[in-house]
Amino acid sequence: LLVIGRPITGAPDPGAAAASIAAALRRMTDK
């Protein structure tokens, strides 16, 4: 479990920032 705060909550769109990190982790898992 990764704790991430300001890179997400400090972004202009926290939802988009969370989605981007989630997508990167899924791509890594798929590989």
PDB file of all heavy atoms in Angstrom:
ATOM      1  N   LEU A   1       0.859  -1.186   0.000  1.00  0.00           N
ATOM      2  CA  LEU A   1       0.000   0.000   0.000  1.00  0.00           C
ATOM      3  C   LEU A   1       0.895   1.236   0.000  1.00  0.00           C
ATOM      4  O   LEU A   1       1.764   1.379   0.860  1.00  0.00           O
ATOM      5  CB  LEU A   1      -0.906  -0.001   1.236  1.00  0.00           C
ATOM      6  CG  LEU A   1      -1.915   1.143   1.344  1.00  0.00           C
ATOM      7  CD1 LEU A   1      -2.962   1.063   0.220  1.00  0.00           C
ATOM      8  CD2 LEU A   1      -2.621   1.107   2.714  1.00  0.00           C
ATOM      9  N   LEU A   2       0.675   2.127  -0.963  1.00  0.00           N
ATOM     10  CA  LEU A   2       1.478   3.333  -1.096  1.00  0.00           C
ATOM     11  C   LEU A   2       0.714   4.524  -0.536  1.00  0.00           C
ATOM     12  O   LEU A   2      -0.442   4.743  -0.902  1.00  0.00           O
ATOM     13  CB  LEU A   2       1.787   3.606  -2.570  1.00  0.00           C
ATOM     14  CG  LEU A   2       2.287   2.432  -3.410  1.00  0.00           C
ATOM     15  CD1 LEU A   2       2.528   2.885  -4.846  1.00  0.00           C
ATOM     16  CD2 LEU A   2       3.541   1.829  -2.804  1.00  0.00           C
ATOM     17  N   VAL A   3       1.345   5.287   0.331  1.00  0.00           N
ATOM     18  CA  VAL A   3       0.736   6.509   0.852  1.00  0.00           C
ATOM     19  C   VAL A   3       1.202   7.677  -0.007  1.00  0.00           C
ATOM     20  O   VAL A   3       2.401   7.961  -0.085  1.00  0.00           O
ATOM     21  CB  VAL A   3       1.112   6.751   2.321  1.00  0.00           C
ATOM     22  CG1 VAL A   3       0.492   8.060   2.815  1.00  0.00           C
ATOM     23  CG2 VAL A   3       0.645   5.586   3.191  1.00  0.00           C
ATOM     24  N   ILE A   4       0.264   8.337  -0.662  1.00  0.00           N
ATOM     25  CA  ILE A   4       0.580   9.483  -1.519  1.00  0.00           C
ATOM     26  C   ILE A   4      -0.377  10.607  -1.161  1.00  0.00           C
ATOM     27  O   ILE A   4      -1.589  10.410  -1.130  1.00  0.00           O
ATOM     28  CB  ILE A   4       0.447   9.129  -3.019  1.00  0.00           C
ATOM     29  CG1 ILE A   4       1.301   7.895  -3.356  1.00  0.00           C
ATOM     30  CG2 ILE A   4       0.856  10.318  -3.886  1.00  0.00           C
ATOM     31  CD1 ILE A   4       1.155   7.425  -4.796  1.00  0.00           C
ATOM     32  N   GLY A   5       0.176  11.785  -0.872  1.00  0.00           N
ATOM     33  CA  GLY A   5      -0.656  12.908  -0.478  1.00  0.00           C
ATOM     34  C   GLY A   5      -0.597  14.040  -1.471  1.00  0.00           C
ATOM     35  O   GLY A   5      -1.353  14.100  -2.434  1.00  0.00           O
ATOM     36  N   ARG A   6       0.349  14.960  -1.257  1.00  0.00           N
ATOM     37  CA  ARG A   6       0.381  16.207  -2.021  1.00  0.00           C
ATOM     38  C   ARG A   6       0.510  16.048  -3.536  1.00  0.00           C
ATOM     39  O   ARG A   6      -0.074  16.848  -4.273  1.00  0.00           O
ATOM     40  CB  ARG A   6       1.475  17.112  -1.451  1.00  0.00           C
ATOM     41  CG  ARG A   6       1.079  17.699  -0.094  1.00  0.00           C
ATOM     42  CD  ARG A   6       2.252  18.258   0.677  1.00  0.00           C
ATOM     43  NE  ARG A   6       3.097  17.190   1.210  1.00  0.00           N
ATOM     44  CZ  ARG A   6       4.082  17.395   2.079  1.00  0.00           C
ATOM     45  NH1 ARG A   6       4.359  18.618   2.489  1.00  0.00           N
ATOM     46  NH2 ARG A   6       4.799  16.385   2.525  1.00  0.00           N
ATOM     47  N   PRO A   7       1.219  15.030  -4.065  1.00  0.00           N
ATOM     48  CA  PRO A   7       1.224  14.876  -5.518  1.00  0.00           C
ATOM     49  C   PRO A   7      -0.173  14.649  -6.100  1.00  0.00           C
ATOM     50  O   PRO A   7      -0.404  14.918  -7.284  1.00  0.00           O
ATOM     51  CB  PRO A   7       2.127  13.655  -5.733  1.00  0.00           C
ATOM     52  CG  PRO A   7       3.061  13.690  -4.571  1.00  0.00           C
ATOM     53  CD  PRO A   7       2.197  14.134  -3.414  1.00  0.00           C
ATOM     54  N   ILE A   8      -1.106  14.162  -5.273  1.00  0.00           N
ATOM     55  CA  ILE A   8      -2.486  13.987  -5.715  1.00  0.00           C
ATOM     56  C   ILE A   8      -3.358  15.149  -5.269  1.00  0.00           C
ATOM     57  O   ILE A   8      -3.997  15.819  -6.080  1.00  0.00           O
ATOM     58  CB  ILE A   8      -3.063  12.646  -5.188  1.00  0.00           C
ATOM     59  CG1 ILE A   8      -2.368  11.461  -5.878  1.00  0.00           C
ATOM     60  CG2 ILE A   8      -4.579  12.580  -5.413  1.00  0.00           C
ATOM     61  CD1 ILE A   8      -2.784  10.109  -5.346  1.00  0.00           C
ATOM     62  N   THR A   9      -3.369  15.432  -3.970  1.00  0.00           N
ATOM     63  CA  THR A   9      -4.294  16.451  -3.461  1.00  0.00           C
ATOM     64  C   THR A   9      -3.878  17.865  -3.848  1.00  0.00           C
ATOM     65  O   THR A   9      -4.715  18.778  -3.865  1.00  0.00           O
ATOM     66  CB  THR A   9      -4.411  16.359  -1.935  1.00  0.00           C
ATOM     67  OG1 THR A   9      -3.112  16.538  -1.333  1.00  0.00           O
ATOM     68  CG2 THR A   9      -4.977  14.990  -1.515  1.00  0.00           C
ATOM     69  N   GLY A  10      -2.599  18.062  -4.155  1.00  0.00           N
ATOM     70  CA  GLY A  10      -2.134  19.378  -4.569  1.00  0.00           C
ATOM     71  C   GLY A  10      -2.238  19.616  -6.064  1.00  0.00           C
ATOM     72  O   GLY A  10      -1.920  20.706  -6.543  1.00  0.00           O
ATOM     73  N   ALA A  11      -2.697  18.610  -6.806  1.00  0.00           N
ATOM     74  CA  ALA A  11      -2.841  18.748  -8.255  1.00  0.00           C
ATOM     75  C   ALA A  11      -4.099  19.555  -8.583  1.00  0.00           C
ATOM     76  O   ALA A  11      -5.047  19.583  -7.794  1.00  0.00           O
ATOM     77  CB  ALA A  11      -2.926  17.364  -8.899  1.00  0.00           C
ATOM     78  N   PRO A  12      -4.127  20.197  -9.745  1.00  0.00           N
ATOM     79  CA  PRO A  12      -5.338  20.936 -10.135  1.00  0.00           C
ATOM     80  C   PRO A  12      -6.580  20.062 -10.150  1.00  0.00           C
ATOM     81  O   PRO A  12      -7.673  20.524  -9.834  1.00  0.00           O
ATOM     82  CB  PRO A  12      -4.985  21.448 -11.540  1.00  0.00           C
ATOM     83  CG  PRO A  12      -3.491  21.509 -11.572  1.00  0.00           C
ATOM     84  CD  PRO A  12      -3.026  20.363 -10.718  1.00  0.00           C
ATOM     85  N   ASP A  13      -6.420  18.795 -10.522  1.00  0.00           N
ATOM     86  CA  ASP A  13      -7.526  17.833 -10.527  1.00  0.00           C
ATOM     87  C   ASP A  13      -7.067  16.585  -9.781  1.00  0.00           C
ATOM     88  O   ASP A  13      -6.419  15.709 -10.373  1.00  0.00           O
ATOM     89  CB  ASP A  13      -7.922  17.492 -11.963  1.00  0.00           C
ATOM     90  CG  ASP A  13      -9.115  16.544 -12.044  1.00  0.00           C
ATOM     91  OD1 ASP A  13      -9.446  15.904 -11.026  1.00  0.00           O
ATOM     92  OD2 ASP A  13      -9.720  16.449 -13.126  1.00  0.00           O
ATOM     93  N   PRO A  14      -7.361  16.479  -8.470  1.00  0.00           N
ATOM     94  CA  PRO A  14      -6.904  15.322  -7.703  1.00  0.00           C
ATOM     95  C   PRO A  14      -7.384  13.984  -8.272  1.00  0.00           C
ATOM     96  O   PRO A  14      -6.654  12.990  -8.227  1.00  0.00           O
ATOM     97  CB  PRO A  14      -7.484  15.575  -6.308  1.00  0.00           C
ATOM     98  CG  PRO A  14      -7.612  17.060  -6.232  1.00  0.00           C
ATOM     99  CD  PRO A  14      -8.007  17.487  -7.607  1.00  0.00           C
ATOM    100  N   GLY A  15      -8.598  13.964  -8.803  1.00  0.00           N
ATOM    101  CA  GLY A  15      -9.103  12.726  -9.382  1.00  0.00           C
ATOM    102  C   GLY A  15      -8.274  12.283 -10.565  1.00  0.00           C
ATOM    103  O   GLY A  15      -7.925  11.095 -10.694  1.00  0.00           O
ATOM    104  N   ALA A  16      -7.920  13.220 -11.433  1.00  0.00           N
ATOM    105  CA  ALA A  16      -7.100  12.896 -12.597  1.00  0.00           C
ATOM    106  C   ALA A  16      -5.700  12.457 -12.177  1.00  0.00           C
ATOM    107  O   ALA A  16      -5.116  11.535 -12.763  1.00  0.00           O
ATOM    108  CB  ALA A  16      -7.025  14.091 -13.531  1.00  0.00           C
ATOM    109  N   ALA A  17      -5.148  13.105 -11.155  1.00  0.00           N
ATOM    110  CA  ALA A  17      -3.816  12.724 -10.668  1.00  0.00           C
ATOM    111  C   ALA A  17      -3.828  11.309 -10.105  1.00  0.00           C
ATOM    112  O   ALA A  17      -2.915  10.507 -10.358  1.00  0.00           O
ATOM    113  CB  ALA A  17      -3.347  13.718  -9.605  1.00  0.00           C
ATOM    114  N   ALA A  18      -4.883  10.979  -9.337  1.00  0.00           N
ATOM    115  CA  ALA A  18      -5.016   9.621  -8.790  1.00  0.00           C
ATOM    116  C   ALA A  18      -5.178   8.610  -9.919  1.00  0.00           C
ATOM    117  O   ALA A  18      -4.588   7.519  -9.886  1.00  0.00           O
ATOM    118  CB  ALA A  18      -6.198   9.554  -7.833  1.00  0.00           C
ATOM    119  N   ALA A  19      -5.978   8.958 -10.921  1.00  0.00           N
ATOM    120  CA  ALA A  19      -6.203   8.056 -12.047  1.00  0.00           C
ATOM    121  C   ALA A  19      -4.910   7.799 -12.809  1.00  0.00           C
ATOM    122  O   ALA A  19      -4.645   6.669 -13.256  1.00  0.00           O
ATOM    123  CB  ALA A  19      -7.254   8.640 -12.980  1.00  0.00           C
ATOM    124  N   SER A  20      -4.076   8.832 -12.964  1.00  0.00           N
ATOM    125  CA  SER A  20      -2.812   8.685 -13.682  1.00  0.00           C
ATOM    126  C   SER A  20      -1.865   7.735 -12.962  1.00  0.00           C
ATOM    127  O   SER A  20      -1.235   6.867 -13.583  1.00  0.00           O
ATOM    128  CB  SER A  20      -2.162  10.066 -13.851  1.00  0.00           C
ATOM    129  OG  SER A  20      -0.900   9.947 -14.466  1.00  0.00           O
ATOM    130  N   ILE A  21      -1.766   7.894 -11.635  1.00  0.00           N
ATOM    131  CA  ILE A  21      -0.898   7.008 -10.854  1.00  0.00           C
ATOM    132  C   ILE A  21      -1.434   5.578 -10.897  1.00  0.00           C
ATOM    133  O   ILE A  21      -0.682   4.612 -11.058  1.00  0.00           O
ATOM    134  CB  ILE A  21      -0.780   7.519  -9.411  1.00  0.00           C
ATOM    135  CG1 ILE A  21       0.038   8.821  -9.393  1.00  0.00           C
ATOM    136  CG2 ILE A  21      -0.140   6.473  -8.499  1.00  0.00           C
ATOM    137  CD1 ILE A  21       0.035   9.539  -8.059  1.00  0.00           C
ATOM    138  N   ALA A  22      -2.750   5.420 -10.768  1.00  0.00           N
ATOM    139  CA  ALA A  22      -3.358   4.088 -10.818  1.00  0.00           C
ATOM    140  C   ALA A  22      -3.096   3.424 -12.164  1.00  0.00           C
ATOM    141  O   ALA A  22      -2.778   2.220 -12.230  1.00  0.00           O
ATOM    142  CB  ALA A  22      -4.860   4.189 -10.554  1.00  0.00           C
ATOM    143  N   ALA A  23      -3.203   4.191 -13.241  1.00  0.00           N
ATOM    144  CA  ALA A  23      -2.966   3.636 -14.574  1.00  0.00           C
ATOM    145  C   ALA A  23      -1.514   3.188 -14.735  1.00  0.00           C
ATOM    146  O   ALA A  23      -1.235   2.137 -15.332  1.00  0.00           O
ATOM    147  CB  ALA A  23      -3.325   4.663 -15.635  1.00  0.00           C
ATOM    148  N   ALA A  24      -0.578   3.977 -14.212  1.00  0.00           N
ATOM    149  CA  ALA A  24       0.839   3.613 -14.300  1.00  0.00           C
ATOM    150  C   ALA A  24       1.114   2.314 -13.552  1.00  0.00           C
ATOM    151  O   ALA A  24       1.873   1.453 -14.028  1.00  0.00           O
ATOM    152  CB  ALA A  24       1.698   4.742 -13.742  1.00  0.00           C
ATOM    153  N   LEU A  25       0.481   2.147 -12.392  1.00  0.00           N
ATOM    154  CA  LEU A  25       0.674   0.914 -11.624  1.00  0.00           C
ATOM    155  C   LEU A  25       0.051  -0.276 -12.339  1.00  0.00           C
ATOM    156  O   LEU A  25       0.612  -1.377 -12.331  1.00  0.00           O
ATOM    157  CB  LEU A  25       0.078   1.073 -10.223  1.00  0.00           C
ATOM    158  CG  LEU A  25       0.809   2.055  -9.303  1.00  0.00           C
ATOM    159  CD1 LEU A  25       0.049   2.217  -7.989  1.00  0.00           C
ATOM    160  CD2 LEU A  25       2.242   1.596  -9.030  1.00  0.00           C
ATOM    161  N   ARG A  26      -1.097  -0.071 -12.985  1.00  0.00           N
ATOM    162  CA  ARG A  26      -1.708  -1.170 -13.739  1.00  0.00           C
ATOM    163  C   ARG A  26      -0.835  -1.581 -14.918  1.00  0.00           C
ATOM    164  O   ARG A  26      -0.675  -2.768 -15.197  1.00  0.00           O
ATOM    165  CB  ARG A  26      -3.102  -0.765 -14.240  1.00  0.00           C
ATOM    166  CG  ARG A  26      -4.194  -0.881 -13.194  1.00  0.00           C
ATOM    167  CD  ARG A  26      -5.568  -0.831 -13.822  1.00  0.00           C
ATOM    168  NE  ARG A  26      -5.811   0.422 -14.524  1.00  0.00           N
ATOM    169  CZ  ARG A  26      -6.281   1.527 -13.937  1.00  0.00           C
ATOM    170  NH1 ARG A  26      -6.546   1.515 -12.638  1.00  0.00           N
ATOM    171  NH2 ARG A  26      -6.484   2.631 -14.641  1.00  0.00           N
ATOM    172  N   ARG A  27      -0.266  -0.603 -15.609  1.00  0.00           N
ATOM    173  CA  ARG A  27       0.611  -0.928 -16.740  1.00  0.00           C
ATOM    174  C   ARG A  27       1.810  -1.740 -16.268  1.00  0.00           C
ATOM    175  O   ARG A  27       2.227  -2.692 -16.933  1.00  0.00           O
ATOM    176  CB  ARG A  27       1.082   0.359 -17.417  1.00  0.00           C
ATOM    177  CG  ARG A  27       0.017   1.051 -18.250  1.00  0.00           C
ATOM    178  CD  ARG A  27       0.618   2.104 -19.155  1.00  0.00           C
ATOM    179  NE  ARG A  27       1.245   3.190 -18.418  1.00  0.00           N
ATOM    180  CZ  ARG A  27       0.610   4.293 -18.014  1.00  0.00           C
ATOM    181  NH1 ARG A  27      -0.690   4.430 -18.258  1.00  0.00           N
ATOM    182  NH2 ARG A  27       1.256   5.231 -17.347  1.00  0.00           N
ATOM    183  N   MET A  28       2.356  -1.368 -15.125  1.00  0.00           N
ATOM    184  CA  MET A  28       3.501  -2.098 -14.596  1.00  0.00           C
ATOM    185  C   MET A  28       3.106  -3.536 -14.243  1.00  0.00           C
ATOM    186  O   MET A  28       3.828  -4.495 -14.565  1.00  0.00           O
ATOM    187  CB  MET A  28       4.019  -1.384 -13.344  1.00  0.00           C
ATOM    188  CG  MET A  28       5.279  -2.002 -12.765  1.00  0.00           C
ATOM    189  SD  MET A  28       5.615  -1.361 -11.121  1.00  0.00           S
ATOM    190  CE  MET A  28       4.345  -2.211 -10.186  1.00  0.00           C
ATOM    191  N   THR A  29       1.945  -3.702 -13.620  1.00  0.00           N
ATOM    192  CA  THR A  29       1.469  -5.028 -13.243  1.00  0.00           C
ATOM    193  C   THR A  29       1.203  -5.883 -14.471  1.00  0.00           C
ATOM    194  O   THR A  29       1.508  -7.077 -14.508  1.00  0.00           O
ATOM    195  CB  THR A  29       0.187  -4.919 -12.398  1.00  0.00           C
ATOM    196  OG1 THR A  29       0.470  -4.122 -11.248  1.00  0.00           O
ATOM    197  CG2 THR A  29      -0.284  -6.284 -11.947  1.00  0.00           C
ATOM    198  N   ASP A  30       0.629  -5.283 -15.503  1.00  0.00           N
ATOM    199  CA  ASP A  30       0.318  -6.022 -16.743  1.00  0.00           C
ATOM    200  C   ASP A  30       1.563  -6.540 -17.423  1.00  0.00           C
ATOM    201  O   ASP A  30       1.538  -7.578 -18.106  1.00  0.00           O
ATOM    202  CB  ASP A  30      -0.455  -5.129 -17.715  1.00  0.00           C
ATOM    203  CG  ASP A  30      -1.861  -4.813 -17.221  1.00  0.00           C
ATOM    204  OD1 ASP A  30      -2.351  -5.514 -16.321  1.00  0.00           O
ATOM    205  OD2 ASP A  30      -2.468  -3.846 -17.738  1.00  0.00           O
ATOM    206  N   LYS A  31       2.698  -5.848 -17.238  1.00  0.00           N
ATOM    207  CA  LYS A  31       3.938  -6.265 -17.877  1.00  0.00           C
ATOM    208  C   LYS A  31       4.611  -7.433 -17.150  1.00  0.00           C
ATOM    209  O   LYS A  31       5.485  -8.092 -17.700  1.00  0.00           O
ATOM    210  CB  LYS A  31       4.922  -5.078 -17.928  1.00  0.00           C
ATOM    211  CG  LYS A  31       4.496  -3.986 -18.909  1.00  0.00           C
ATOM    212  CD  LYS A  31       5.488  -2.841 -18.871  1.00  0.00           C
ATOM    213  CE  LYS A  31       5.063  -1.697 -19.790  1.00  0.00           C
ATOM    214  NZ  LYS A  31       5.992  -0.548 -19.724  1.00  0.00           N
TER     215      LYS A  31
END
